Amino acid sequence: LLVTARCVVYSADFDIALSADLDSPRGRKTSAFMWRSICLICLKMAIFAFLDFHRFFEDMYSKLFVVRNLLILTVGSVFLVLYKISVNLTDRLHELVTNPPMSAQFWLDMTHQYLATAELIDTLWRKTGFSTAVCVFFAFNMLNAAVFCALGVAGAAYGHVSTWRPFFWAFNQLLVVLVGLYLMANIHSTCSSKRNGKNSVLRQARQHCGRVAPHCYREHRMFLEWVE
């Protein structure tokens, strides 16, 4: 996970995308989002650590717990930056197709811009191996949660007083997975979701069906096919 995160950070595409995002009108919102997210992660870690440990560094598990949280904070920051860049890119497409000029050239340009955006997101997530590493990390979290639940059930069967701790650990593992999967799914939802409740690029472009001028119908249809 750290290796793939390093590949992302040292990627030229990442530098270009991040610089363009920070220089755009959404740059301030991206910075505010990152500050809030990191503060929330640190607060969550502090609360969970306080509830779980009374004295730090007196056993090996507590030491590993601190090291693991530092790694999660580092990789989580990269994850959140990639998420925000990806969502901002799709939001930009959404704004362009909301009130478009009905011309064939516009829809051709939108198709080219969509393909370039999709290629950039694919490069940042998949080609760097970061998305695969994140999925493996989530799988280990799910496995750990199952093991902790089994320990909790076994402890409860023997009437141990501290049986709440394994369930607490399992909840901590599941919370990371659920939040991460939601954010990853949200990237796809902002682009290709067909649900009416989602303001996706695909849904917004479909709103123009029936109102597209005949001379640009084919280009509009081609854009829809690529997004789908």
Protein backbone atom coordinates (compact mmCIF):
# COMPACT_ATOMS: atom_id res chain seq x y z
CA LEU A 1 0.00 0.00 0.00
CA LEU A 2 2.80 2.41 0.84
CA VAL A 3 4.64 1.50 -2.37
CA THR A 4 1.62 2.24 -4.55
CA ALA A 5 0.90 5.44 -2.61
CA ARG A 6 4.48 6.51 -3.33
CA CYS A 7 3.94 5.73 -7.04
CA VAL A 8 0.90 8.00 -7.03
CA VAL A 9 2.66 10.87 -5.26
CA TYR A 10 5.68 10.73 -7.57
CA SER A 11 3.53 10.44 -10.69
CA ALA A 12 3.74 13.33 -13.13
CA ASP A 13 0.02 12.96 -13.88
CA PHE A 14 -0.75 13.36 -10.19
CA ASP A 15 1.32 16.55 -9.96
CA ILE A 16 -0.36 18.04 -13.01
CA ALA A 17 -3.87 17.07 -11.87
CA LEU A 18 -3.33 18.34 -8.32
CA SER A 19 -1.81 21.63 -9.47
CA ALA A 20 -4.65 22.18 -11.94
CA ASP A 21 -7.21 21.40 -9.26
CA LEU A 22 -5.68 23.76 -6.71
CA ASP A 23 -5.42 26.54 -9.30
CA SER A 24 -9.05 26.11 -10.32
CA PRO A 25 -12.04 27.81 -8.60
CA ARG A 26 -12.48 24.58 -6.60
CA GLY A 27 -8.96 24.81 -5.17
CA ARG A 28 -10.03 26.41 -1.91
CA LYS A 29 -12.76 23.81 -1.41
CA THR A 30 -10.24 21.04 -2.04
CA SER A 31 -7.87 22.45 0.58
CA ALA A 32 -10.72 22.87 3.07
CA PHE A 33 -11.92 19.32 2.37
CA MET A 34 -8.45 17.90 3.04
CA TRP A 35 -8.01 19.84 6.28
CA ARG A 36 -11.41 18.75 7.56
CA SER A 37 -10.85 15.15 6.54
CA ILE A 38 -7.41 14.88 8.15
CA CYS A 39 -8.71 16.50 11.33
CA LEU A 40 -11.61 14.03 11.43
CA ILE A 41 -9.25 11.08 10.87
CA CYS A 42 -6.96 12.25 13.67
CA LEU A 43 -9.95 12.82 15.97
CA LYS A 44 -11.32 9.37 15.19
CA MET A 45 -7.95 7.77 15.86
CA ALA A 46 -7.57 9.67 19.14
CA ILE A 47 -11.05 8.70 20.34
CA PHE A 48 -10.64 5.04 19.41
CA ALA A 49 -7.18 4.93 20.99
CA PHE A 50 -8.45 6.54 24.20
CA LEU A 51 -11.32 4.08 24.46
CA ASP A 52 -9.18 1.08 23.66
CA PHE A 53 -5.98 1.79 25.60
CA HIS A 54 -5.39 3.19 29.06
CA ARG A 55 -1.61 3.03 28.90
CA PHE A 56 0.33 3.19 25.65
CA PHE A 57 3.53 1.35 24.69
CA GLU A 58 3.29 -1.16 27.53
CA ASP A 59 2.57 -4.05 25.18
CA MET A 60 3.42 -4.91 21.58
CA TYR A 61 -0.15 -4.50 20.32
CA SER A 62 -0.38 -0.88 21.42
CA LYS A 63 2.91 -0.10 19.67
CA LEU A 64 1.71 -1.74 16.46
CA PHE A 65 -1.60 0.10 16.82
CA VAL A 66 0.16 3.48 16.79
CA VAL A 67 2.38 2.55 13.83
CA ARG A 68 -0.61 1.22 11.90
CA ASN A 69 -2.57 4.42 12.49
CA LEU A 70 0.33 6.52 11.22
CA LEU A 71 0.42 4.44 8.05
CA ILE A 72 -3.35 4.74 7.64
CA LEU A 73 -3.12 8.51 8.04
CA THR A 74 -0.43 8.72 5.35
CA VAL A 75 -2.16 6.45 2.84
CA GLY A 76 -5.57 7.87 3.72
CA SER A 77 -4.38 11.36 2.82
CA VAL A 78 -3.34 10.13 -0.63
CA PHE A 79 -6.67 8.33 -0.99
CA LEU A 80 -8.64 11.48 -0.12
CA VAL A 81 -6.62 13.66 -2.51
CA LEU A 82 -7.26 11.21 -5.36
CA TYR A 83 -10.94 11.07 -4.47
CA LYS A 84 -11.31 14.85 -4.45
CA ILE A 85 -9.41 15.27 -7.73
CA SER A 86 -11.58 12.62 -9.41
CA VAL A 87 -14.85 14.10 -8.15
CA ASN A 88 -13.81 17.61 -9.18
CA LEU A 89 -12.98 16.38 -12.68
CA THR A 90 -16.42 14.81 -13.06
CA ASP A 91 -18.09 17.87 -11.53
CA ARG A 92 -16.41 19.97 -14.19
CA LEU A 93 -17.93 17.77 -16.89
CA HIS A 94 -21.31 18.02 -15.17
CA GLU A 95 -21.18 21.81 -15.24
CA LEU A 96 -20.33 21.85 -18.92
CA VAL A 97 -23.26 19.63 -19.95
CA THR A 98 -25.80 21.40 -17.72
CA ASN A 99 -26.43 24.31 -20.11
CA PRO A 100 -24.56 23.38 -23.28
CA PRO A 101 -24.54 25.20 -26.59
CA MET A 102 -26.36 22.88 -28.97
CA SER A 103 -23.64 22.39 -31.54
CA ALA A 104 -21.97 19.35 -32.97
CA GLN A 105 -18.52 20.70 -32.11
CA PHE A 106 -19.43 21.07 -28.44
CA TRP A 107 -20.46 17.43 -28.08
CA LEU A 108 -17.37 16.30 -29.96
CA ASP A 109 -15.21 18.35 -27.59
CA MET A 110 -17.11 16.94 -24.61
CA THR A 111 -16.50 13.40 -25.83
CA HIS A 112 -12.77 14.07 -26.14
CA GLN A 113 -12.71 15.74 -22.71
CA TYR A 114 -14.60 12.85 -21.14
CA LEU A 115 -12.18 10.31 -22.61
CA ALA A 116 -9.20 12.34 -21.36
CA THR A 117 -10.76 12.60 -17.88
CA ALA A 118 -11.50 8.88 -17.76
CA GLU A 119 -7.94 8.09 -18.85
CA LEU A 120 -6.48 10.37 -16.17
CA ILE A 121 -8.62 8.87 -13.40
CA ASP A 122 -7.76 5.37 -14.60
CA THR A 123 -4.06 6.23 -14.60
CA LEU A 124 -4.14 7.67 -11.07
CA TRP A 125 -6.11 4.80 -9.56
CA ARG A 126 -5.57 1.61 -11.54
CA LYS A 127 -2.33 1.95 -13.48
CA THR A 128 -0.42 3.00 -10.37
CA GLY A 129 -1.78 -0.09 -8.59
CA PHE A 130 -3.24 2.07 -5.82
CA SER A 131 -6.84 0.90 -6.25
CA THR A 132 -5.74 -2.75 -6.14
CA ALA A 133 -3.72 -2.15 -2.98
CA VAL A 134 -6.67 -0.37 -1.38
CA CYS A 135 -8.99 -3.28 -2.22
CA VAL A 136 -6.53 -5.75 -0.70
CA PHE A 137 -6.33 -3.55 2.39
CA PHE A 138 -10.12 -3.51 2.65
CA ALA A 139 -10.20 -7.30 2.30
CA PHE A 140 -7.74 -7.67 5.19
CA ASN A 141 -9.86 -5.29 7.25
CA MET A 142 -12.93 -7.42 6.61
CA LEU A 143 -10.99 -10.53 7.57
CA ASN A 144 -9.74 -8.89 10.74
CA ALA A 145 -13.28 -7.78 11.59
CA ALA A 146 -14.52 -11.36 11.22
CA VAL A 147 -11.71 -12.66 13.44
CA PHE A 148 -12.39 -10.02 16.09
CA CYS A 149 -16.11 -10.84 16.07
CA ALA A 150 -15.29 -14.52 16.51
CA LEU A 151 -13.03 -13.65 19.46
CA GLY A 152 -15.81 -11.55 20.96
CA VAL A 153 -18.37 -14.33 20.62
CA ALA A 154 -15.93 -16.84 22.11
CA GLY A 155 -15.15 -14.47 24.99
CA ALA A 156 -18.83 -13.89 25.65
CA ALA A 157 -19.42 -17.63 25.81
CA TYR A 158 -16.90 -17.86 28.65
CA GLY A 159 -18.23 -14.76 30.40
CA HIS A 160 -15.17 -12.55 30.01
CA VAL A 161 -15.67 -9.01 31.27
CA SER A 162 -13.68 -7.38 28.45
CA THR A 163 -15.58 -9.02 25.58
CA TRP A 164 -16.57 -5.58 24.24
CA ARG A 165 -13.03 -4.92 23.00
CA PRO A 166 -13.04 -7.43 20.06
CA PHE A 167 -16.36 -6.01 18.82
CA PHE A 168 -14.92 -2.53 19.20
CA TRP A 169 -11.92 -3.54 17.07
CA ALA A 170 -14.23 -5.10 14.47
CA PHE A 171 -16.30 -1.90 14.25
CA ASN A 172 -13.11 0.11 13.75
CA GLN A 173 -12.07 -2.14 10.86
CA LEU A 174 -15.50 -2.07 9.22
CA LEU A 175 -15.80 1.71 9.54
CA VAL A 176 -12.68 2.23 7.40
CA VAL A 177 -13.95 -0.19 4.75
CA LEU A 178 -17.45 1.30 4.55
CA VAL A 179 -16.24 4.90 4.26
CA GLY A 180 -13.60 3.96 1.68
CA LEU A 181 -16.01 1.95 -0.49
CA TYR A 182 -18.58 4.75 -0.33
CA LEU A 183 -16.08 7.32 -1.57
CA MET A 184 -14.86 5.05 -4.38
CA ALA A 185 -18.44 4.31 -5.47
CA ASN A 186 -19.25 8.02 -5.37
CA ILE A 187 -16.70 8.69 -8.11
CA HIS A 188 -18.61 6.40 -10.46
CA SER A 189 -21.96 7.79 -9.30
CA THR A 190 -21.03 11.37 -10.16
CA CYS A 191 -20.15 10.26 -13.67
CA SER A 192 -22.23 7.34 -14.93
CA SER A 193 -25.09 6.84 -12.47
CA LYS A 194 -28.49 6.34 -14.11
CA ARG A 195 -30.48 6.95 -10.94
CA ASN A 196 -32.69 10.01 -10.86
CA GLY A 197 -31.42 10.91 -7.40
CA LYS A 198 -27.87 11.32 -8.65
CA ASN A 199 -26.66 14.46 -10.42
CA SER A 200 -24.31 12.52 -12.64
CA VAL A 201 -22.82 13.55 -15.97
CA LEU A 202 -24.78 10.81 -17.75
CA ARG A 203 -28.11 11.79 -16.21
CA GLN A 204 -27.54 15.47 -16.93
CA ALA A 205 -26.65 14.77 -20.56
CA ARG A 206 -29.76 12.61 -20.93
CA GLN A 207 -31.90 15.57 -19.87
CA HIS A 208 -31.20 17.08 -23.28
CA CYS A 209 -32.68 14.13 -25.18
CA GLY A 210 -35.56 15.43 -27.30
CA ARG A 211 -34.17 18.96 -27.22
CA VAL A 212 -30.98 18.33 -29.17
CA ALA A 213 -30.87 20.03 -32.54
CA PRO A 214 -30.92 17.62 -35.50
CA HIS A 215 -27.50 18.75 -36.71
CA CYS A 216 -25.81 17.58 -33.46
CA TYR A 217 -27.98 14.57 -32.57
CA ARG A 218 -25.35 12.06 -33.66
CA GLU A 219 -22.56 13.73 -31.66
CA HIS A 220 -24.80 13.93 -28.55
CA ARG A 221 -25.67 10.27 -28.90
CA MET A 222 -22.02 9.36 -29.26
CA PHE A 223 -21.22 11.20 -26.02
CA LEU A 224 -23.95 9.27 -24.18
CA GLU A 225 -22.64 5.96 -25.50
CA TRP A 226 -19.11 6.70 -24.29
CA VAL A 227 -20.28 7.75 -20.82
CA GLU A 228 -22.50 4.68 -20.50
